[in-house]
Amino acid sequence: MSDDSYASPDDGELQGLVDALFEGDPGRVVSKIDLLMRADIDDLSNDSREVIDLLPGGRFARGRLCDQLNSIITAHGWGFSHGTVA
């Protein structure tokens, strides 16, 4: 039995962003600008936006993007509020 009563409202936002960016083309490569634009379109929270702002510039395949996001989330201790992405 899962107790989601303590889950942050931001939990899952970043996973949704990654899923939306790679929907229909899992082999796609995206840029940080693509992420920022999609975050604006999806009206992500300021906390989720901060994670994206901390990404280095460049282009990312899905695996590399998830690694980068998860590294940022873990390094800042935000795992509970943001979860991880895959």
PDB file of N, CA and C in Angstrom:
ATOM      1  N   MET A   1       0.850  -1.181   0.000  1.00  0.00           N
ATOM      2  CA  MET A   1       0.000   0.000   0.000  1.00  0.00           C
ATOM      3  C   MET A   1       0.891   1.237   0.000  1.00  0.00           C
ATOM      4  N   SER A   2       0.684   2.090  -0.931  1.00  0.00           N
ATOM      5  CA  SER A   2       1.492   3.299  -1.071  1.00  0.00           C
ATOM      6  C   SER A   2       0.813   4.464  -0.364  1.00  0.00           C
ATOM      7  N   ASP A   3       1.625   5.256   0.334  1.00  0.00           N
ATOM      8  CA  ASP A   3       1.093   6.437   1.013  1.00  0.00           C
ATOM      9  C   ASP A   3       1.582   7.673   0.279  1.00  0.00           C
ATOM     10  N   ASP A   4       0.739   8.211  -0.596  1.00  0.00           N
ATOM     11  CA  ASP A   4       1.107   9.379  -1.388  1.00  0.00           C
ATOM     12  C   ASP A   4       0.731  10.682  -0.706  1.00  0.00           C
ATOM     13  N   SER A   5       0.310  10.625   0.556  1.00  0.00           N
ATOM     14  CA  SER A   5      -0.134  11.836   1.236  1.00  0.00           C
ATOM     15  C   SER A   5       1.002  12.824   1.453  1.00  0.00           C
ATOM     16  N   TYR A   6       2.241  12.341   1.382  1.00  0.00           N
ATOM     17  CA  TYR A   6       3.387  13.222   1.576  1.00  0.00           C
ATOM     18  C   TYR A   6       4.052  13.613   0.260  1.00  0.00           C
ATOM     19  N   ALA A   7       3.549  13.125  -0.843  1.00  0.00           N
ATOM     20  CA  ALA A   7       4.153  13.431  -2.136  1.00  0.00           C
ATOM     21  C   ALA A   7       3.965  14.911  -2.466  1.00  0.00           C
ATOM     22  N   SER A   8       4.984  15.465  -3.060  1.00  0.00           N
ATOM     23  CA  SER A   8       4.942  16.862  -3.473  1.00  0.00           C
ATOM     24  C   SER A   8       4.026  17.017  -4.683  1.00  0.00           C
ATOM     25  N   PRO A   9       3.376  18.167  -4.814  1.00  0.00           N
ATOM     26  CA  PRO A   9       2.581  18.398  -6.025  1.00  0.00           C
ATOM     27  C   PRO A   9       3.445  18.426  -7.286  1.00  0.00           C
ATOM     28  N   ASP A  10       4.759  18.669  -7.118  1.00  0.00           N
ATOM     29  CA  ASP A  10       5.670  18.707  -8.262  1.00  0.00           C
ATOM     30  C   ASP A  10       6.115  17.317  -8.694  1.00  0.00           C
ATOM     31  N   ASP A  11       5.855  16.307  -7.860  1.00  0.00           N
ATOM     32  CA  ASP A  11       6.280  14.947  -8.160  1.00  0.00           C
ATOM     33  C   ASP A  11       5.671  14.506  -9.485  1.00  0.00           C
ATOM     34  N   GLY A  12       6.494  14.085 -10.406  1.00  0.00           N
ATOM     35  CA  GLY A  12       6.023  13.615 -11.700  1.00  0.00           C
ATOM     36  C   GLY A  12       6.043  14.654 -12.801  1.00  0.00           C
ATOM     37  N   GLU A  13       6.223  15.918 -12.464  1.00  0.00           N
ATOM     38  CA  GLU A  13       6.241  16.964 -13.502  1.00  0.00           C
ATOM     39  C   GLU A  13       7.389  16.753 -14.485  1.00  0.00           C
ATOM     40  N   LEU A  14       8.564  16.464 -13.963  1.00  0.00           N
ATOM     41  CA  LEU A  14       9.724  16.299 -14.843  1.00  0.00           C
ATOM     42  C   LEU A  14       9.586  15.046 -15.701  1.00  0.00           C
ATOM     43  N   GLN A  15       9.014  13.977 -15.130  1.00  0.00           N
ATOM     44  CA  GLN A  15       8.784  12.763 -15.925  1.00  0.00           C
ATOM     45  C   GLN A  15       7.812  13.061 -17.056  1.00  0.00           C
ATOM     46  N   GLY A  16       6.773  13.814 -16.769  1.00  0.00           N
ATOM     47  CA  GLY A  16       5.822  14.201 -17.804  1.00  0.00           C
ATOM     48  C   GLY A  16       6.475  15.029 -18.901  1.00  0.00           C
ATOM     49  N   LEU A  17       7.389  15.901 -18.506  1.00  0.00           N
ATOM     50  CA  LEU A  17       8.117  16.727 -19.472  1.00  0.00           C
ATOM     51  C   LEU A  17       8.960  15.854 -20.392  1.00  0.00           C
ATOM     52  N   VAL A  18       9.711  14.925 -19.811  1.00  0.00           N
ATOM     53  CA  VAL A  18      10.556  14.025 -20.603  1.00  0.00           C
ATOM     54  C   VAL A  18       9.690  13.181 -21.538  1.00  0.00           C
ATOM     55  N   ASP A  19       8.604  12.626 -21.016  1.00  0.00           N
ATOM     56  CA  ASP A  19       7.708  11.812 -21.846  1.00  0.00           C
ATOM     57  C   ASP A  19       7.157  12.621 -23.019  1.00  0.00           C
ATOM     58  N   ALA A  20       6.761  13.859 -22.769  1.00  0.00           N
ATOM     59  CA  ALA A  20       6.201  14.706 -23.827  1.00  0.00           C
ATOM     60  C   ALA A  20       7.245  15.033 -24.893  1.00  0.00           C
ATOM     61  N   LEU A  21       8.467  15.297 -24.475  1.00  0.00           N
ATOM     62  CA  LEU A  21       9.515  15.654 -25.432  1.00  0.00           C
ATOM     63  C   LEU A  21       9.886  14.502 -26.357  1.00  0.00           C
ATOM     64  N   PHE A  22       9.805  13.279 -25.846  1.00  0.00           N
ATOM     65  CA  PHE A  22      10.234  12.126 -26.635  1.00  0.00           C
ATOM     66  C   PHE A  22       9.062  11.297 -27.165  1.00  0.00           C
ATOM     67  N   GLU A  23       7.842  11.798 -26.992  1.00  0.00           N
ATOM     68  CA  GLU A  23       6.663  11.088 -27.484  1.00  0.00           C
ATOM     69  C   GLU A  23       6.726  10.974 -29.004  1.00  0.00           C
ATOM     70  N   GLY A  24       6.545   9.775 -29.498  1.00  0.00           N
ATOM     71  CA  GLY A  24       6.531   9.561 -30.937  1.00  0.00           C
ATOM     72  C   GLY A  24       7.896   9.413 -31.571  1.00  0.00           C
ATOM     73  N   ASP A  25       8.960   9.784 -30.874  1.00  0.00           N
ATOM     74  CA  ASP A  25      10.312   9.666 -31.426  1.00  0.00           C
ATOM     75  C   ASP A  25      11.314   9.463 -30.296  1.00  0.00           C
ATOM     76  N   PRO A  26      11.388   8.236 -29.754  1.00  0.00           N
ATOM     77  CA  PRO A  26      12.271   7.987 -28.614  1.00  0.00           C
ATOM     78  C   PRO A  26      13.755   8.189 -28.933  1.00  0.00           C
ATOM     79  N   GLY A  27      14.124   8.190 -30.203  1.00  0.00           N
ATOM     80  CA  GLY A  27      15.519   8.387 -30.585  1.00  0.00           C
ATOM     81  C   GLY A  27      15.892   9.846 -30.788  1.00  0.00           C
ATOM     82  N   ARG A  28      14.966  10.716 -30.565  1.00  0.00           N
ATOM     83  CA  ARG A  28      15.161  12.155 -30.758  1.00  0.00           C
ATOM     84  C   ARG A  28      16.254  12.704 -29.842  1.00  0.00           C
ATOM     85  N   VAL A  29      16.855  13.792 -30.252  1.00  0.00           N
ATOM     86  CA  VAL A  29      17.814  14.533 -29.431  1.00  0.00           C
ATOM     87  C   VAL A  29      17.217  15.919 -29.208  1.00  0.00           C
ATOM     88  N   VAL A  30      17.202  16.367 -27.945  1.00  0.00           N
ATOM     89  CA  VAL A  30      16.608  17.663 -27.611  1.00  0.00           C
ATOM     90  C   VAL A  30      17.662  18.587 -27.016  1.00  0.00           C
ATOM     91  N   SER A  31      17.424  19.877 -27.133  1.00  0.00           N
ATOM     92  CA  SER A  31      18.336  20.873 -26.571  1.00  0.00           C
ATOM     93  C   SER A  31      17.751  21.431 -25.277  1.00  0.00           C
ATOM     94  N   LYS A  32      18.576  22.141 -24.550  1.00  0.00           N
ATOM     95  CA  LYS A  32      18.094  22.782 -23.331  1.00  0.00           C
ATOM     96  C   LYS A  32      16.983  23.780 -23.665  1.00  0.00           C
ATOM     97  N   ILE A  33      17.095  24.438 -24.810  1.00  0.00           N
ATOM     98  CA  ILE A  33      16.053  25.377 -25.247  1.00  0.00           C
ATOM     99  C   ILE A  33      14.722  24.641 -25.437  1.00  0.00           C
ATOM    100  N   ASP A  34      14.770  23.424 -26.016  1.00  0.00           N
ATOM    101  CA  ASP A  34      13.550  22.621 -26.163  1.00  0.00           C
ATOM    102  C   ASP A  34      12.907  22.365 -24.803  1.00  0.00           C
ATOM    103  N   LEU A  35      13.742  22.045 -23.820  1.00  0.00           N
ATOM    104  CA  LEU A  35      13.244  21.787 -22.467  1.00  0.00           C
ATOM    105  C   LEU A  35      12.619  23.033 -21.860  1.00  0.00           C
ATOM    106  N   LEU A  36      13.279  24.163 -22.005  1.00  0.00           N
ATOM    107  CA  LEU A  36      12.767  25.411 -21.441  1.00  0.00           C
ATOM    108  C   LEU A  36      11.439  25.808 -22.087  1.00  0.00           C
ATOM    109  N   MET A  37      11.349  25.654 -23.410  1.00  0.00           N
ATOM    110  CA  MET A  37      10.108  26.001 -24.107  1.00  0.00           C
ATOM    111  C   MET A  37       8.972  25.080 -23.673  1.00  0.00           C
ATOM    112  N   ARG A  38       9.256  23.781 -23.576  1.00  0.00           N
ATOM    113  CA  ARG A  38       8.214  22.833 -23.171  1.00  0.00           C
ATOM    114  C   ARG A  38       7.791  23.074 -21.725  1.00  0.00           C
ATOM    115  N   ALA A  39       8.749  23.445 -20.866  1.00  0.00           N
ATOM    116  CA  ALA A  39       8.421  23.758 -19.469  1.00  0.00           C
ATOM    117  C   ALA A  39       7.459  24.941 -19.406  1.00  0.00           C
ATOM    118  N   ASP A  40       7.662  25.932 -20.277  1.00  0.00           N
ATOM    119  CA  ASP A  40       6.749  27.079 -20.338  1.00  0.00           C
ATOM    120  C   ASP A  40       5.369  26.657 -20.838  1.00  0.00           C
ATOM    121  N   ILE A  41       5.343  25.839 -21.873  1.00  0.00           N
ATOM    122  CA  ILE A  41       4.074  25.370 -22.433  1.00  0.00           C
ATOM    123  C   ILE A  41       3.284  24.589 -21.385  1.00  0.00           C
ATOM    124  N   ASP A  42       3.985  23.722 -20.647  1.00  0.00           N
ATOM    125  CA  ASP A  42       3.329  22.871 -19.640  1.00  0.00           C
ATOM    126  C   ASP A  42       3.131  23.583 -18.309  1.00  0.00           C
ATOM    127  N   ASP A  43       3.593  24.829 -18.212  1.00  0.00           N
ATOM    128  CA  ASP A  43       3.457  25.627 -16.991  1.00  0.00           C
ATOM    129  C   ASP A  43       3.985  24.885 -15.761  1.00  0.00           C
ATOM    130  N   LEU A  44       5.232  24.408 -15.875  1.00  0.00           N
ATOM    131  CA  LEU A  44       5.862  23.701 -14.762  1.00  0.00           C
ATOM    132  C   LEU A  44       6.087  24.634 -13.584  1.00  0.00           C
ATOM    133  N   SER A  45       6.125  24.047 -12.408  1.00  0.00           N
ATOM    134  CA  SER A  45       6.338  24.820 -11.179  1.00  0.00           C
ATOM    135  C   SER A  45       7.734  25.440 -11.178  1.00  0.00           C
ATOM    136  N   ASN A  46       7.920  26.436 -10.337  1.00  0.00           N
ATOM    137  CA  ASN A  46       9.232  27.073 -10.211  1.00  0.00           C
ATOM    138  C   ASN A  46      10.291  26.085  -9.752  1.00  0.00           C
ATOM    139  N   ASP A  47       9.925  25.156  -8.876  1.00  0.00           N
ATOM    140  CA  ASP A  47      10.891  24.161  -8.398  1.00  0.00           C
ATOM    141  C   ASP A  47      11.350  23.244  -9.526  1.00  0.00           C
ATOM    142  N   SER A  48      10.423  22.792 -10.346  1.00  0.00           N
ATOM    143  CA  SER A  48      10.794  21.947 -11.485  1.00  0.00           C
ATOM    144  C   SER A  48      11.604  22.747 -12.494  1.00  0.00           C
ATOM    145  N   ARG A  49      11.223  23.990 -12.675  1.00  0.00           N
ATOM    146  CA  ARG A  49      11.947  24.869 -13.596  1.00  0.00           C
ATOM    147  C   ARG A  49      13.398  25.074 -13.141  1.00  0.00           C
ATOM    148  N   GLU A  50      13.611  25.126 -11.824  1.00  0.00           N
ATOM    149  CA  GLU A  50      14.963  25.288 -11.290  1.00  0.00           C
ATOM    150  C   GLU A  50      15.853  24.108 -11.674  1.00  0.00           C
ATOM    151  N   VAL A  51      15.297  22.904 -11.667  1.00  0.00           N
ATOM    152  CA  VAL A  51      16.065  21.723 -12.070  1.00  0.00           C
ATOM    153  C   VAL A  51      16.505  21.876 -13.523  1.00  0.00           C
ATOM    154  N   ILE A  52      15.603  22.299 -14.385  1.00  0.00           N
ATOM    155  CA  ILE A  52      15.919  22.478 -15.804  1.00  0.00           C
ATOM    156  C   ILE A  52      16.967  23.568 -15.987  1.00  0.00           C
ATOM    157  N   ASP A  53      16.844  24.648 -15.227  1.00  0.00           N
ATOM    158  CA  ASP A  53      17.816  25.744 -15.321  1.00  0.00           C
ATOM    159  C   ASP A  53      19.226  25.284 -14.975  1.00  0.00           C
ATOM    160  N   LEU A  54      19.350  24.265 -14.129  1.00  0.00           N
ATOM    161  CA  LEU A  54      20.661  23.772 -13.714  1.00  0.00           C
ATOM    162  C   LEU A  54      21.305  22.824 -14.727  1.00  0.00           C
ATOM    163  N   LEU A  55      20.564  22.437 -15.751  1.00  0.00           N
ATOM    164  CA  LEU A  55      21.146  21.582 -16.791  1.00  0.00           C
ATOM    165  C   LEU A  55      22.246  22.330 -17.535  1.00  0.00           C
ATOM    166  N   PRO A  56      23.297  21.613 -17.935  1.00  0.00           N
ATOM    167  CA  PRO A  56      24.300  22.259 -18.782  1.00  0.00           C
ATOM    168  C   PRO A  56      23.707  22.479 -20.176  1.00  0.00           C
ATOM    169  N   GLY A  57      24.269  23.391 -20.916  1.00  0.00           N
ATOM    170  CA  GLY A  57      23.832  23.593 -22.290  1.00  0.00           C
ATOM    171  C   GLY A  57      24.190  22.375 -23.121  1.00  0.00           C
ATOM    172  N   GLY A  58      23.545  22.233 -24.241  1.00  0.00           N
ATOM    173  CA  GLY A  58      23.868  21.113 -25.115  1.00  0.00           C
ATOM    174  C   GLY A  58      22.629  20.396 -25.590  1.00  0.00           C
ATOM    175  N   ARG A  59      22.881  19.243 -26.212  1.00  0.00           N
ATOM    176  CA  ARG A  59      21.805  18.424 -26.761  1.00  0.00           C
ATOM    177  C   ARG A  59      21.818  17.082 -26.049  1.00  0.00           C
ATOM    178  N   PHE A  60      20.635  16.520 -25.853  1.00  0.00           N
ATOM    179  CA  PHE A  60      20.501  15.328 -25.032  1.00  0.00           C
ATOM    180  C   PHE A  60      19.615  14.278 -25.690  1.00  0.00           C
ATOM    181  N   ALA A  61      20.106  13.057 -25.741  1.00  0.00           N
ATOM    182  CA  ALA A  61      19.242  11.913 -26.010  1.00  0.00           C
ATOM    183  C   ALA A  61      18.501  11.630 -24.704  1.00  0.00           C
ATOM    184  N   ARG A  62      17.456  10.842 -24.759  1.00  0.00           N
ATOM    185  CA  ARG A  62      16.641  10.614 -23.564  1.00  0.00           C
ATOM    186  C   ARG A  62      17.461  10.078 -22.392  1.00  0.00           C
ATOM    187  N   GLY A  63      18.294   9.087 -22.630  1.00  0.00           N
ATOM    188  CA  GLY A  63      19.083   8.498 -21.550  1.00  0.00           C
ATOM    189  C   GLY A  63      20.004   9.500 -20.886  1.00  0.00           C
ATOM    190  N   ARG A  64      20.686  10.289 -21.696  1.00  0.00           N
ATOM    191  CA  ARG A  64      21.602  11.293 -21.145  1.00  0.00           C
ATOM    192  C   ARG A  64      20.842  12.385 -20.398  1.00  0.00           C
ATOM    193  N   LEU A  65      19.706  12.796 -20.937  1.00  0.00           N
ATOM    194  CA  LEU A  65      18.887  13.806 -20.263  1.00  0.00           C
ATOM    195  C   LEU A  65      18.426  13.300 -18.899  1.00  0.00           C
ATOM    196  N   CYS A  66      17.941  12.073 -18.856  1.00  0.00           N
ATOM    197  CA  CYS A  66      17.488  11.504 -17.576  1.00  0.00           C
ATOM    198  C   CYS A  66      18.639  11.414 -16.583  1.00  0.00           C
ATOM    199  N   ASP A  67      19.819  11.007 -17.053  1.00  0.00           N
ATOM    200  CA  ASP A  67      20.992  10.949 -16.171  1.00  0.00           C
ATOM    201  C   ASP A  67      21.312  12.325 -15.604  1.00  0.00           C
ATOM    202  N   GLN A  68      21.285  13.340 -16.448  1.00  0.00           N
ATOM    203  CA  GLN A  68      21.589  14.704 -16.009  1.00  0.00           C
ATOM    204  C   GLN A  68      20.544  15.197 -15.003  1.00  0.00           C
ATOM    205  N   LEU A  69      19.272  15.004 -15.315  1.00  0.00           N
ATOM    206  CA  LEU A  69      18.210  15.448 -14.407  1.00  0.00           C
ATOM    207  C   LEU A  69      18.291  14.721 -13.068  1.00  0.00           C
ATOM    208  N   ASN A  70      18.495  13.405 -13.111  1.00  0.00           N
ATOM    209  CA  ASN A  70      18.581  12.634 -11.871  1.00  0.00           C
ATOM    210  C   ASN A  70      19.799  13.028 -11.048  1.00  0.00           C
ATOM    211  N   SER A  71      20.902  13.361 -11.701  1.00  0.00           N
ATOM    212  CA  SER A  71      22.089  13.829 -10.975  1.00  0.00           C
ATOM    213  C   SER A  71      21.803  15.140 -10.250  1.00  0.00           C
ATOM    214  N   ILE A  72      21.128  16.051 -10.924  1.00  0.00           N
ATOM    215  CA  ILE A  72      20.774  17.339 -10.312  1.00  0.00           C
ATOM    216  C   ILE A  72      19.821  17.118  -9.141  1.00  0.00           C
ATOM    217  N   ILE A  73      18.810  16.302  -9.357  1.00  0.00           N
ATOM    218  CA  ILE A  73      17.821  16.024  -8.306  1.00  0.00           C
ATOM    219  C   ILE A  73      18.494  15.406  -7.085  1.00  0.00           C
ATOM    220  N   THR A  74      19.356  14.434  -7.309  1.00  0.00           N
ATOM    221  CA  THR A  74      20.040  13.750  -6.208  1.00  0.00           C
ATOM    222  C   THR A  74      21.012  14.671  -5.493  1.00  0.00           C
ATOM    223  N   ALA A  75      21.806  15.412  -6.248  1.00  0.00           N
ATOM    224  CA  ALA A  75      22.819  16.291  -5.649  1.00  0.00           C
ATOM    225  C   ALA A  75      22.197  17.366  -4.759  1.00  0.00           C
ATOM    226  N   HIS A  76      20.992  17.787  -5.084  1.00  0.00           N
ATOM    227  CA  HIS A  76      20.330  18.832  -4.304  1.00  0.00           C
ATOM    228  C   HIS A  76      19.358  18.275  -3.261  1.00  0.00           C
ATOM    229  N   GLY A  77      19.256  16.952  -3.185  1.00  0.00           N
ATOM    230  CA  GLY A  77      18.363  16.345  -2.201  1.00  0.00           C
ATOM    231  C   GLY A  77      16.891  16.545  -2.514  1.00  0.00           C
ATOM    232  N   TRP A  78      16.557  16.640  -3.788  1.00  0.00           N
ATOM    233  CA  TRP A  78      15.184  16.899  -4.203  1.00  0.00           C
ATOM    234  C   TRP A  78      14.439  15.637  -4.623  1.00  0.00           C
ATOM    235  N   GLY A  79      14.978  14.471  -4.329  1.00  0.00           N
ATOM    236  CA  GLY A  79      14.353  13.226  -4.763  1.00  0.00           C
ATOM    237  C   GLY A  79      12.932  13.059  -4.268  1.00  0.00           C
ATOM    238  N   PHE A  80      12.662  13.481  -3.039  1.00  0.00           N
ATOM    239  CA  PHE A  80      11.314  13.329  -2.491  1.00  0.00           C
ATOM    240  C   PHE A  80      10.325  14.261  -3.181  1.00  0.00           C
ATOM    241  N   SER A  81      10.766  15.461  -3.480  1.00  0.00           N
ATOM    242  CA  SER A  81       9.835  16.423  -4.073  1.00  0.00           C
ATOM    243  C   SER A  81       9.667  16.250  -5.577  1.00  0.00           C
ATOM    244  N   HIS A  82      10.695  15.747  -6.260  1.00  0.00           N
ATOM    245  CA  HIS A  82      10.625  15.633  -7.718  1.00  0.00           C
ATOM    246  C   HIS A  82      10.564  14.202  -8.216  1.00  0.00           C
ATOM    247  N   GLY A  83      11.001  13.248  -7.417  1.00  0.00           N
ATOM    248  CA  GLY A  83      11.117  11.880  -7.899  1.00  0.00           C
ATOM    249  C   GLY A  83      12.264  11.789  -8.888  1.00  0.00           C
ATOM    250  N   THR A  84      12.393  10.660  -9.543  1.00  0.00           N
ATOM    251  CA  THR A  84      13.421  10.509 -10.566  1.00  0.00           C
ATOM    252  C   THR A  84      12.734  10.363 -11.913  1.00  0.00           C
ATOM    253  N   VAL A  85      13.513  10.481 -12.968  1.00  0.00           N
ATOM    254  CA  VAL A  85      12.969  10.370 -14.321  1.00  0.00           C
ATOM    255  C   VAL A  85      13.633   9.214 -15.048  1.00  0.00           C
ATOM    256  N   ALA A  86      12.911   8.656 -15.996  1.00  0.00           N
ATOM    257  CA  ALA A  86      13.436   7.525 -16.773  1.00  0.00           C
ATOM    258  C   ALA A  86      13.073   7.690 -18.239  1.00  0.00           C
TER     259      ALA A  86
END
